[in-house]
Amino acid sequence: IVTHYKVLYQKQEMDIKSFEQRDYCLEPISALSETSKNEKVEVKNMSNATADCCSCPKTKEEREAEARKREIEIYFENYLHDQVYCQRYDTLPPD
């Protein structure tokens, strides 16, 4: 049971001029650090080295485990959404 959810953030100053001029369709916001980007590039290059080889098919157990993991993630996200966001009332609800 999830009893707490901790959110950490670091406030960053916003450059208004670049914010207004940026095309977010061409340059989407990315939360990845530079090291994460470099690691992804290396992994991508390594996958090209073994292009002649195809990936092994997943077993039924692996597919079921992945499906179960997706269901748990969806349930968790829905739970957090329900706990964090409150319904807005135009008038006060009856007591």
PDB file of N, CA and C in Angstrom:
ATOM      1  N   ILE A   1       0.854  -1.176   0.000  1.00  0.00           N
ATOM      2  CA  ILE A   1       0.000   0.000   0.000  1.00  0.00           C
ATOM      3  C   ILE A   1       0.896   1.234   0.000  1.00  0.00           C
ATOM      4  N   VAL A   2       0.593   2.157  -0.867  1.00  0.00           N
ATOM      5  CA  VAL A   2       1.342   3.408  -0.931  1.00  0.00           C
ATOM      6  C   VAL A   2       0.770   4.354   0.106  1.00  0.00           C
ATOM      7  N   THR A   3       1.623   4.786   1.021  1.00  0.00           N
ATOM      8  CA  THR A   3       1.166   5.722   2.047  1.00  0.00           C
ATOM      9  C   THR A   3       1.751   7.114   1.857  1.00  0.00           C
ATOM     10  N   HIS A   4       2.861   7.209   1.152  1.00  0.00           N
ATOM     11  CA  HIS A   4       3.492   8.502   0.916  1.00  0.00           C
ATOM     12  C   HIS A   4       4.052   8.529  -0.497  1.00  0.00           C
ATOM     13  N   TYR A   5       4.110   9.718  -1.041  1.00  0.00           N
ATOM     14  CA  TYR A   5       4.703   9.907  -2.356  1.00  0.00           C
ATOM     15  C   TYR A   5       5.479  11.207  -2.287  1.00  0.00           C
ATOM     16  N   LYS A   6       6.775  11.124  -2.458  1.00  0.00           N
ATOM     17  CA  LYS A   6       7.638  12.288  -2.307  1.00  0.00           C
ATOM     18  C   LYS A   6       8.015  12.813  -3.687  1.00  0.00           C
ATOM     19  N   VAL A   7       7.830  14.100  -3.896  1.00  0.00           N
ATOM     20  CA  VAL A   7       8.168  14.732  -5.165  1.00  0.00           C
ATOM     21  C   VAL A   7       9.286  15.724  -4.902  1.00  0.00           C
ATOM     22  N   LEU A   8      10.384  15.568  -5.604  1.00  0.00           N
ATOM     23  CA  LEU A   8      11.514  16.476  -5.473  1.00  0.00           C
ATOM     24  C   LEU A   8      11.613  17.320  -6.734  1.00  0.00           C
ATOM     25  N   TYR A   9      11.984  18.558  -6.582  1.00  0.00           N
ATOM     26  CA  TYR A   9      12.144  19.419  -7.739  1.00  0.00           C
ATOM     27  C   TYR A   9      13.230  20.438  -7.454  1.00  0.00           C
ATOM     28  N   GLN A  10      13.700  21.038  -8.518  1.00  0.00           N
ATOM     29  CA  GLN A  10      14.678  22.105  -8.393  1.00  0.00           C
ATOM     30  C   GLN A  10      14.190  23.254  -9.260  1.00  0.00           C
ATOM     31  N   LYS A  11      13.899  24.365  -8.646  1.00  0.00           N
ATOM     32  CA  LYS A  11      13.383  25.518  -9.367  1.00  0.00           C
ATOM     33  C   LYS A  11      14.470  26.073 -10.278  1.00  0.00           C
ATOM     34  N   GLN A  12      14.090  26.333 -11.515  1.00  0.00           N
ATOM     35  CA  GLN A  12      15.026  26.889 -12.479  1.00  0.00           C
ATOM     36  C   GLN A  12      14.461  28.202 -12.999  1.00  0.00           C
ATOM     37  N   GLU A  13      15.346  29.141 -13.205  1.00  0.00           N
ATOM     38  CA  GLU A  13      14.933  30.419 -13.759  1.00  0.00           C
ATOM     39  C   GLU A  13      14.583  30.234 -15.233  1.00  0.00           C
ATOM     40  N   MET A  14      13.541  30.900 -15.673  1.00  0.00           N
ATOM     41  CA  MET A  14      13.084  30.752 -17.042  1.00  0.00           C
ATOM     42  C   MET A  14      13.546  31.949 -17.870  1.00  0.00           C
ATOM     43  N   ASP A  15      14.130  31.664 -19.018  1.00  0.00           N
ATOM     44  CA  ASP A  15      14.529  32.703 -19.956  1.00  0.00           C
ATOM     45  C   ASP A  15      13.315  33.004 -20.833  1.00  0.00           C
ATOM     46  N   ILE A  16      12.640  34.099 -20.556  1.00  0.00           N
ATOM     47  CA  ILE A  16      11.380  34.427 -21.226  1.00  0.00           C
ATOM     48  C   ILE A  16      11.567  34.552 -22.737  1.00  0.00           C
ATOM     49  N   LYS A  17      12.659  35.160 -23.169  1.00  0.00           N
ATOM     50  CA  LYS A  17      12.864  35.383 -24.600  1.00  0.00           C
ATOM     51  C   LYS A  17      12.969  34.054 -25.354  1.00  0.00           C
ATOM     52  N   SER A  18      13.781  33.139 -24.868  1.00  0.00           N
ATOM     53  CA  SER A  18      13.918  31.851 -25.551  1.00  0.00           C
ATOM     54  C   SER A  18      12.650  31.017 -25.394  1.00  0.00           C
ATOM     55  N   PHE A  19      11.944  31.185 -24.290  1.00  0.00           N
ATOM     56  CA  PHE A  19      10.699  30.455 -24.067  1.00  0.00           C
ATOM     57  C   PHE A  19       9.655  30.836 -25.111  1.00  0.00           C
ATOM     58  N   GLU A  20       9.539  32.116 -25.404  1.00  0.00           N
ATOM     59  CA  GLU A  20       8.536  32.582 -26.359  1.00  0.00           C
ATOM     60  C   GLU A  20       8.901  32.231 -27.795  1.00  0.00           C
ATOM     61  N   GLN A  21      10.189  32.118 -28.105  1.00  0.00           N
ATOM     62  CA  GLN A  21      10.625  31.861 -29.472  1.00  0.00           C
ATOM     63  C   GLN A  21      10.766  30.379 -29.787  1.00  0.00           C
ATOM     64  N   ARG A  22      10.767  29.536 -28.816  1.00  0.00           N
ATOM     65  CA  ARG A  22      11.016  28.108 -29.029  1.00  0.00           C
ATOM     66  C   ARG A  22       9.807  27.417 -29.651  1.00  0.00           C
ATOM     67  N   ASP A  23      10.065  26.543 -30.628  1.00  0.00           N
ATOM     68  CA  ASP A  23       9.028  25.715 -31.237  1.00  0.00           C
ATOM     69  C   ASP A  23       9.070  24.361 -30.536  1.00  0.00           C
ATOM     70  N   TYR A  24       8.130  24.121 -29.641  1.00  0.00           N
ATOM     71  CA  TYR A  24       8.151  22.912 -28.824  1.00  0.00           C
ATOM     72  C   TYR A  24       7.813  21.652 -29.613  1.00  0.00           C
ATOM     73  N   CYS A  25       7.273  21.805 -30.812  1.00  0.00           N
ATOM     74  CA  CYS A  25       7.049  20.627 -31.657  1.00  0.00           C
ATOM     75  C   CYS A  25       8.379  20.140 -32.231  1.00  0.00           C
ATOM     76  N   LEU A  26       9.239  21.077 -32.590  1.00  0.00           N
ATOM     77  CA  LEU A  26      10.543  20.713 -33.147  1.00  0.00           C
ATOM     78  C   LEU A  26      11.573  20.449 -32.059  1.00  0.00           C
ATOM     79  N   GLU A  27      11.448  21.127 -30.920  1.00  0.00           N
ATOM     80  CA  GLU A  27      12.394  20.982 -29.816  1.00  0.00           C
ATOM     81  C   GLU A  27      11.630  20.690 -28.526  1.00  0.00           C
ATOM     82  N   PRO A  28      11.181  19.453 -28.323  1.00  0.00           N
ATOM     83  CA  PRO A  28      10.398  19.150 -27.116  1.00  0.00           C
ATOM     84  C   PRO A  28      11.235  19.260 -25.848  1.00  0.00           C
ATOM     85  N   ILE A  29      10.553  19.498 -24.750  1.00  0.00           N
ATOM     86  CA  ILE A  29      11.212  19.576 -23.447  1.00  0.00           C
ATOM     87  C   ILE A  29      11.673  18.181 -23.062  1.00  0.00           C
ATOM     88  N   SER A  30      12.884  18.087 -22.551  1.00  0.00           N
ATOM     89  CA  SER A  30      13.422  16.794 -22.151  1.00  0.00           C
ATOM     90  C   SER A  30      13.920  16.890 -20.721  1.00  0.00           C
ATOM     91  N   ALA A  31      13.547  15.915 -19.901  1.00  0.00           N
ATOM     92  CA  ALA A  31      13.984  15.890 -18.512  1.00  0.00           C
ATOM     93  C   ALA A  31      15.242  15.047 -18.339  1.00  0.00           C
ATOM     94  N   LEU A  32      15.781  14.521 -19.429  1.00  0.00           N
ATOM     95  CA  LEU A  32      16.964  13.675 -19.344  1.00  0.00           C
ATOM     96  C   LEU A  32      18.214  14.516 -19.133  1.00  0.00           C
ATOM     97  N   SER A  33      19.109  14.005 -18.343  1.00  0.00           N
ATOM     98  CA  SER A  33      20.382  14.683 -18.159  1.00  0.00           C
ATOM     99  C   SER A  33      21.287  14.359 -19.342  1.00  0.00           C
ATOM    100  N   GLU A  34      22.369  15.069 -19.465  1.00  0.00           N
ATOM    101  CA  GLU A  34      23.300  14.831 -20.571  1.00  0.00           C
ATOM    102  C   GLU A  34      23.886  13.430 -20.515  1.00  0.00           C
ATOM    103  N   THR A  35      24.162  12.914 -19.318  1.00  0.00           N
ATOM    104  CA  THR A  35      24.733  11.569 -19.222  1.00  0.00           C
ATOM    105  C   THR A  35      23.740  10.525 -19.702  1.00  0.00           C
ATOM    106  N   SER A  36      22.466  10.719 -19.411  1.00  0.00           N
ATOM    107  CA  SER A  36      21.455   9.767 -19.872  1.00  0.00           C
ATOM    108  C   SER A  36      21.370   9.779 -21.388  1.00  0.00           C
ATOM    109  N   LYS A  37      21.468  10.962 -21.992  1.00  0.00           N
ATOM    110  CA  LYS A  37      21.420  11.059 -23.450  1.00  0.00           C
ATOM    111  C   LYS A  37      22.600  10.325 -24.061  1.00  0.00           C
ATOM    112  N   ASN A  38      23.788  10.519 -23.477  1.00  0.00           N
ATOM    113  CA  ASN A  38      24.978   9.853 -24.002  1.00  0.00           C
ATOM    114  C   ASN A  38      24.866   8.342 -23.877  1.00  0.00           C
ATOM    115  N   GLU A  39      24.319   7.858 -22.771  1.00  0.00           N
ATOM    116  CA  GLU A  39      24.155   6.417 -22.581  1.00  0.00           C
ATOM    117  C   GLU A  39      23.213   5.846 -23.620  1.00  0.00           C
ATOM    118  N   LYS A  40      22.133   6.568 -23.950  1.00  0.00           N
ATOM    119  CA  LYS A  40      21.185   6.087 -24.948  1.00  0.00           C
ATOM    120  C   LYS A  40      21.836   6.010 -26.318  1.00  0.00           C
ATOM    121  N   VAL A  41      22.665   6.990 -26.646  1.00  0.00           N
ATOM    122  CA  VAL A  41      23.346   6.979 -27.938  1.00  0.00           C
ATOM    123  C   VAL A  41      24.271   5.776 -28.027  1.00  0.00           C
ATOM    124  N   GLU A  42      25.000   5.478 -26.951  1.00  0.00           N
ATOM    125  CA  GLU A  42      25.907   4.332 -26.954  1.00  0.00           C
ATOM    126  C   GLU A  42      25.142   3.027 -27.118  1.00  0.00           C
ATOM    127  N   VAL A  43      24.023   2.891 -26.428  1.00  0.00           N
ATOM    128  CA  VAL A  43      23.216   1.676 -26.531  1.00  0.00           C
ATOM    129  C   VAL A  43      22.673   1.539 -27.944  1.00  0.00           C
ATOM    130  N   LYS A  44      22.243   2.640 -28.535  1.00  0.00           N
ATOM    131  CA  LYS A  44      21.708   2.610 -29.895  1.00  0.00           C
ATOM    132  C   LYS A  44      22.789   2.166 -30.874  1.00  0.00           C
ATOM    133  N   ASN A  45      24.000   2.678 -30.713  1.00  0.00           N
ATOM    134  CA  ASN A  45      25.103   2.293 -31.588  1.00  0.00           C
ATOM    135  C   ASN A  45      25.445   0.822 -31.422  1.00  0.00           C
ATOM    136  N   MET A  46      25.360   0.305 -30.210  1.00  0.00           N
ATOM    137  CA  MET A  46      25.665  -1.099 -29.975  1.00  0.00           C
ATOM    138  C   MET A  46      24.629  -1.997 -30.641  1.00  0.00           C
ATOM    139  N   SER A  47      23.373  -1.576 -30.663  1.00  0.00           N
ATOM    140  CA  SER A  47      22.341  -2.405 -31.273  1.00  0.00           C
ATOM    141  C   SER A  47      22.550  -2.501 -32.778  1.00  0.00           C
ATOM    142  N   ASN A  48      23.104  -1.474 -33.392  1.00  0.00           N
ATOM    143  CA  ASN A  48      23.385  -1.518 -34.827  1.00  0.00           C
ATOM    144  C   ASN A  48      24.519  -2.481 -35.142  1.00  0.00           C
ATOM    145  N   ALA A  49      25.411  -2.715 -34.194  1.00  0.00           N
ATOM    146  CA  ALA A  49      26.540  -3.609 -34.431  1.00  0.00           C
ATOM    147  C   ALA A  49      26.076  -5.046 -34.595  1.00  0.00           C
ATOM    148  N   THR A  50      24.952  -5.392 -33.997  1.00  0.00           N
ATOM    149  CA  THR A  50      24.441  -6.758 -34.091  1.00  0.00           C
ATOM    150  C   THR A  50      23.190  -6.800 -34.963  1.00  0.00           C
ATOM    151  N   ALA A  51      23.172  -6.035 -36.035  1.00  0.00           N
ATOM    152  CA  ALA A  51      21.993  -5.937 -36.889  1.00  0.00           C
ATOM    153  C   ALA A  51      21.691  -7.243 -37.613  1.00  0.00           C
ATOM    154  N   ASP A  52      22.698  -8.102 -37.836  1.00  0.00           N
ATOM    155  CA  ASP A  52      22.466  -9.363 -38.533  1.00  0.00           C
ATOM    156  C   ASP A  52      21.717 -10.357 -37.656  1.00  0.00           C
ATOM    157  N   CYS A  53      21.643 -10.116 -36.401  1.00  0.00           N
ATOM    158  CA  CYS A  53      21.067 -11.048 -35.444  1.00  0.00           C
ATOM    159  C   CYS A  53      19.689 -10.537 -35.015  1.00  0.00           C
ATOM    160  N   CYS A  54      18.698 -11.403 -34.983  1.00  0.00           N
ATOM    161  CA  CYS A  54      17.364 -10.968 -34.566  1.00  0.00           C
ATOM    162  C   CYS A  54      17.145 -11.313 -33.093  1.00  0.00           C
ATOM    163  N   SER A  55      16.259 -10.568 -32.459  1.00  0.00           N
ATOM    164  CA  SER A  55      16.019 -10.812 -31.039  1.00  0.00           C
ATOM    165  C   SER A  55      15.214 -12.092 -30.862  1.00  0.00           C
ATOM    166  N   CYS A  56      15.448 -12.730 -29.766  1.00  0.00           N
ATOM    167  CA  CYS A  56      14.749 -13.982 -29.464  1.00  0.00           C
ATOM    168  C   CYS A  56      13.292 -13.676 -29.137  1.00  0.00           C
ATOM    169  N   PRO A  57      12.372 -14.529 -29.543  1.00  0.00           N
ATOM    170  CA  PRO A  57      10.969 -14.297 -29.182  1.00  0.00           C
ATOM    171  C   PRO A  57      10.775 -14.472 -27.678  1.00  0.00           C
ATOM    172  N   LYS A  58       9.871 -13.692 -27.135  1.00  0.00           N
ATOM    173  CA  LYS A  58       9.624 -13.754 -25.695  1.00  0.00           C
ATOM    174  C   LYS A  58       8.735 -14.948 -25.380  1.00  0.00           C
ATOM    175  N   THR A  59       8.977 -15.517 -24.229  1.00  0.00           N
ATOM    176  CA  THR A  59       8.165 -16.645 -23.791  1.00  0.00           C
ATOM    177  C   THR A  59       6.818 -16.129 -23.292  1.00  0.00           C
ATOM    178  N   LYS A  60       5.888 -17.033 -23.135  1.00  0.00           N
ATOM    179  CA  LYS A  60       4.557 -16.671 -22.646  1.00  0.00           C
ATOM    180  C   LYS A  60       4.652 -16.056 -21.258  1.00  0.00           C
ATOM    181  N   GLU A  61       5.531 -16.594 -20.420  1.00  0.00           N
ATOM    182  CA  GLU A  61       5.702 -16.068 -19.066  1.00  0.00           C
ATOM    183  C   GLU A  61       6.239 -14.639 -19.094  1.00  0.00           C
ATOM    184  N   GLU A  62       7.185 -14.362 -20.000  1.00  0.00           N
ATOM    185  CA  GLU A  62       7.739 -13.009 -20.106  1.00  0.00           C
ATOM    186  C   GLU A  62       6.668 -12.021 -20.570  1.00  0.00           C
ATOM    187  N   ARG A  63       5.863 -12.426 -21.547  1.00  0.00           N
ATOM    188  CA  ARG A  63       4.789 -11.548 -22.032  1.00  0.00           C
ATOM    189  C   ARG A  63       3.762 -11.289 -20.934  1.00  0.00           C
ATOM    190  N   GLU A  64       3.422 -12.331 -20.176  1.00  0.00           N
ATOM    191  CA  GLU A  64       2.464 -12.166 -19.078  1.00  0.00           C
ATOM    192  C   GLU A  64       3.034 -11.269 -17.981  1.00  0.00           C
ATOM    193  N   ALA A  65       4.322 -11.413 -17.693  1.00  0.00           N
ATOM    194  CA  ALA A  65       4.964 -10.575 -16.673  1.00  0.00           C
ATOM    195  C   ALA A  65       4.964  -9.112 -17.110  1.00  0.00           C
ATOM    196  N   GLU A  66       5.250  -8.861 -18.389  1.00  0.00           N
ATOM    197  CA  GLU A  66       5.237  -7.485 -18.896  1.00  0.00           C
ATOM    198  C   GLU A  66       3.830  -6.901 -18.847  1.00  0.00           C
ATOM    199  N   ALA A  67       2.837  -7.703 -19.213  1.00  0.00           N
ATOM    200  CA  ALA A  67       1.453  -7.230 -19.167  1.00  0.00           C
ATOM    201  C   ALA A  67       1.050  -6.905 -17.732  1.00  0.00           C
ATOM    202  N   ARG A  68       1.445  -7.755 -16.798  1.00  0.00           N
ATOM    203  CA  ARG A  68       1.132  -7.533 -15.380  1.00  0.00           C
ATOM    204  C   ARG A  68       1.825  -6.267 -14.871  1.00  0.00           C
ATOM    205  N   LYS A  69       3.069  -6.069 -15.285  1.00  0.00           N
ATOM    206  CA  LYS A  69       3.810  -4.876 -14.877  1.00  0.00           C
ATOM    207  C   LYS A  69       3.115  -3.615 -15.402  1.00  0.00           C
ATOM    208  N   ARG A  70       2.660  -3.647 -16.663  1.00  0.00           N
ATOM    209  CA  ARG A  70       1.940  -2.503 -17.229  1.00  0.00           C
ATOM    210  C   ARG A  70       0.657  -2.227 -16.446  1.00  0.00           C
ATOM    211  N   GLU A  71      -0.073  -3.287 -16.089  1.00  0.00           N
ATOM    212  CA  GLU A  71      -1.304  -3.116 -15.315  1.00  0.00           C
ATOM    213  C   GLU A  71      -1.017  -2.476 -13.960  1.00  0.00           C
ATOM    214  N   ILE A  72       0.049  -2.913 -13.309  1.00  0.00           N
ATOM    215  CA  ILE A  72       0.414  -2.348 -12.003  1.00  0.00           C
ATOM    216  C   ILE A  72       0.782  -0.878 -12.143  1.00  0.00           C
ATOM    217  N   GLU A  73       1.546  -0.529 -13.185  1.00  0.00           N
ATOM    218  CA  GLU A  73       1.921   0.869 -13.402  1.00  0.00           C
ATOM    219  C   GLU A  73       0.688   1.732 -13.637  1.00  0.00           C
ATOM    220  N   ILE A  74      -0.249   1.238 -14.446  1.00  0.00           N
ATOM    221  CA  ILE A  74      -1.476   1.990 -14.719  1.00  0.00           C
ATOM    222  C   ILE A  74      -2.281   2.168 -13.435  1.00  0.00           C
ATOM    223  N   TYR A  75      -2.410   1.098 -12.657  1.00  0.00           N
ATOM    224  CA  TYR A  75      -3.145   1.173 -11.395  1.00  0.00           C
ATOM    225  C   TYR A  75      -2.492   2.191 -10.458  1.00  0.00           C
ATOM    226  N   PHE A  76      -1.165   2.156 -10.357  1.00  0.00           N
ATOM    227  CA  PHE A  76      -0.439   3.071  -9.479  1.00  0.00           C
ATOM    228  C   PHE A  76      -0.634   4.521  -9.922  1.00  0.00           C
ATOM    229  N   GLU A  77      -0.525   4.779 -11.226  1.00  0.00           N
ATOM    230  CA  GLU A  77      -0.708   6.140 -11.728  1.00  0.00           C
ATOM    231  C   GLU A  77      -2.130   6.630 -11.473  1.00  0.00           C
ATOM    232  N   ASN A  78      -3.112   5.762 -11.687  1.00  0.00           N
ATOM    233  CA  ASN A  78      -4.500   6.141 -11.415  1.00  0.00           C
ATOM    234  C   ASN A  78      -4.705   6.427  -9.933  1.00  0.00           C
ATOM    235  N   TYR A  79      -4.113   5.604  -9.077  1.00  0.00           N
ATOM    236  CA  TYR A  79      -4.219   5.802  -7.631  1.00  0.00           C
ATOM    237  C   TYR A  79      -3.629   7.158  -7.239  1.00  0.00           C
ATOM    238  N   LEU A  80      -2.434   7.460  -7.751  1.00  0.00           N
ATOM    239  CA  LEU A  80      -1.812   8.748  -7.428  1.00  0.00           C
ATOM    240  C   LEU A  80      -2.671   9.901  -7.919  1.00  0.00           C
ATOM    241  N   HIS A  81      -3.180   9.771  -9.126  1.00  0.00           N
ATOM    242  CA  HIS A  81      -4.025  10.827  -9.686  1.00  0.00           C
ATOM    243  C   HIS A  81      -5.249  11.055  -8.799  1.00  0.00           C
ATOM    244  N   ASP A  82      -5.874   9.973  -8.363  1.00  0.00           N
ATOM    245  CA  ASP A  82      -7.060  10.092  -7.510  1.00  0.00           C
ATOM    246  C   ASP A  82      -6.727  10.703  -6.155  1.00  0.00           C
ATOM    247  N   GLN A  83      -5.532  10.441  -5.628  1.00  0.00           N
ATOM    248  CA  GLN A  83      -5.155  10.945  -4.312  1.00  0.00           C
ATOM    249  C   GLN A  83      -4.655  12.385  -4.354  1.00  0.00           C
ATOM    250  N   VAL A  84      -3.998  12.766  -5.442  1.00  0.00           N
ATOM    251  CA  VAL A  84      -3.374  14.085  -5.515  1.00  0.00           C
ATOM    252  C   VAL A  84      -4.359  15.155  -5.965  1.00  0.00           C
ATOM    253  N   TYR A  85      -5.145  14.859  -6.980  1.00  0.00           N
ATOM    254  CA  TYR A  85      -6.055  15.859  -7.532  1.00  0.00           C
ATOM    255  C   TYR A  85      -7.398  15.800  -6.825  1.00  0.00           C
ATOM    256  N   CYS A  86      -7.891  16.970  -6.461  1.00  0.00           N
ATOM    257  CA  CYS A  86      -9.168  17.065  -5.762  1.00  0.00           C
ATOM    258  C   CYS A  86     -10.209  17.647  -6.713  1.00  0.00           C
ATOM    259  N   GLN A  87     -11.438  17.182  -6.565  1.00  0.00           N
ATOM    260  CA  GLN A  87     -12.518  17.683  -7.390  1.00  0.00           C
ATOM    261  C   GLN A  87     -12.815  19.122  -7.009  1.00  0.00           C
ATOM    262  N   ARG A  88     -13.021  19.951  -8.013  1.00  0.00           N
ATOM    263  CA  ARG A  88     -13.338  21.349  -7.759  1.00  0.00           C
ATOM    264  C   ARG A  88     -14.856  21.499  -7.728  1.00  0.00           C
ATOM    265  N   TYR A  89     -15.342  22.123  -6.691  1.00  0.00           N
ATOM    266  CA  TYR A  89     -16.773  22.344  -6.544  1.00  0.00           C
ATOM    267  C   TYR A  89     -17.087  23.804  -6.841  1.00  0.00           C
ATOM    268  N   ASP A  90     -18.134  24.050  -7.629  1.00  0.00           N
ATOM    269  CA  ASP A  90     -18.584  25.423  -7.849  1.00  0.00           C
ATOM    270  C   ASP A  90     -19.237  25.968  -6.578  1.00  0.00           C
ATOM    271  N   THR A  91     -19.906  25.072  -5.882  1.00  0.00           N
ATOM    272  CA  THR A  91     -20.482  25.420  -4.587  1.00  0.00           C
ATOM    273  C   THR A  91     -19.983  24.396  -3.584  1.00  0.00           C
ATOM    274  N   LEU A  92     -20.096  24.705  -2.337  1.00  0.00           N
ATOM    275  CA  LEU A  92     -19.635  23.771  -1.313  1.00  0.00           C
ATOM    276  C   LEU A  92     -20.522  22.531  -1.303  1.00  0.00           C
ATOM    277  N   PRO A  93     -19.921  21.362  -1.140  1.00  0.00           N
ATOM    278  CA  PRO A  93     -20.732  20.146  -1.079  1.00  0.00           C
ATOM    279  C   PRO A  93     -21.537  20.114   0.217  1.00  0.00           C
ATOM    280  N   PRO A  94     -22.679  19.444   0.207  1.00  0.00           N
ATOM    281  CA  PRO A  94     -23.465  19.372   1.448  1.00  0.00           C
ATOM    282  C   PRO A  94     -22.726  18.556   2.497  1.00  0.00           C
ATOM    283  N   ASP A  95     -22.853  18.951   3.744  1.00  0.00           N
ATOM    284  CA  ASP A  95     -22.165  18.240   4.841  1.00  0.00           C
ATOM    285  C   ASP A  95     -22.792  16.931   5.142  1.00  0.00           C
TER     286      ASP A  95
END
